């Protein structure tokens, strides 16, 4: 198995993988497509896993807004159903977090399973002052990285979501 950066030529295979990983549901696939359309994928933070030339996993970090500053968000982590629970997702998540750390980001946010993501250091965002208003749930989590300090707090919005303010876009600076 190899893990590498995703390329534009991978888009169709990624779409197929995401659809398969989530049982053919459109929500996650629409998020991936919206990220592409909006151009908010973070360079170097979209990875795929391949085994014998077949794509078996994908993770994507895109720009989100935290109190007017840009932060990365996972959207989504996908593993082909036949390869789930074999370590592919863990490998992709560990690598993308290492790369986010190397790029100097303060944190990574996600909306995901509260029993899966804590193994990577994710914790509920609310107690850190990172508030995702649409969901007051332990499923909204953040992973603090070494550039984190307590100033990284406020209202959070995923970059693909419509802004509550007309004309407001996702922050593009850190």
Foldseek 3Di string as FASTA:
>chain_A
DDKDADDPVCLVLVLVQQCQQVVNDCPLSVVVVLCVVVVFWDPPQWMFDDDPRHTFWIWTWGWKAFPQATATEIRDTTGRVVCPPVCPSVVSVVVSVVVSLVVPGFKYKYQADLVPPCVVQWFAPVVLQEDAVVDPDRSITMHGHPNHDSVRHHYIGGQSDDDPDPPDHGRDHD
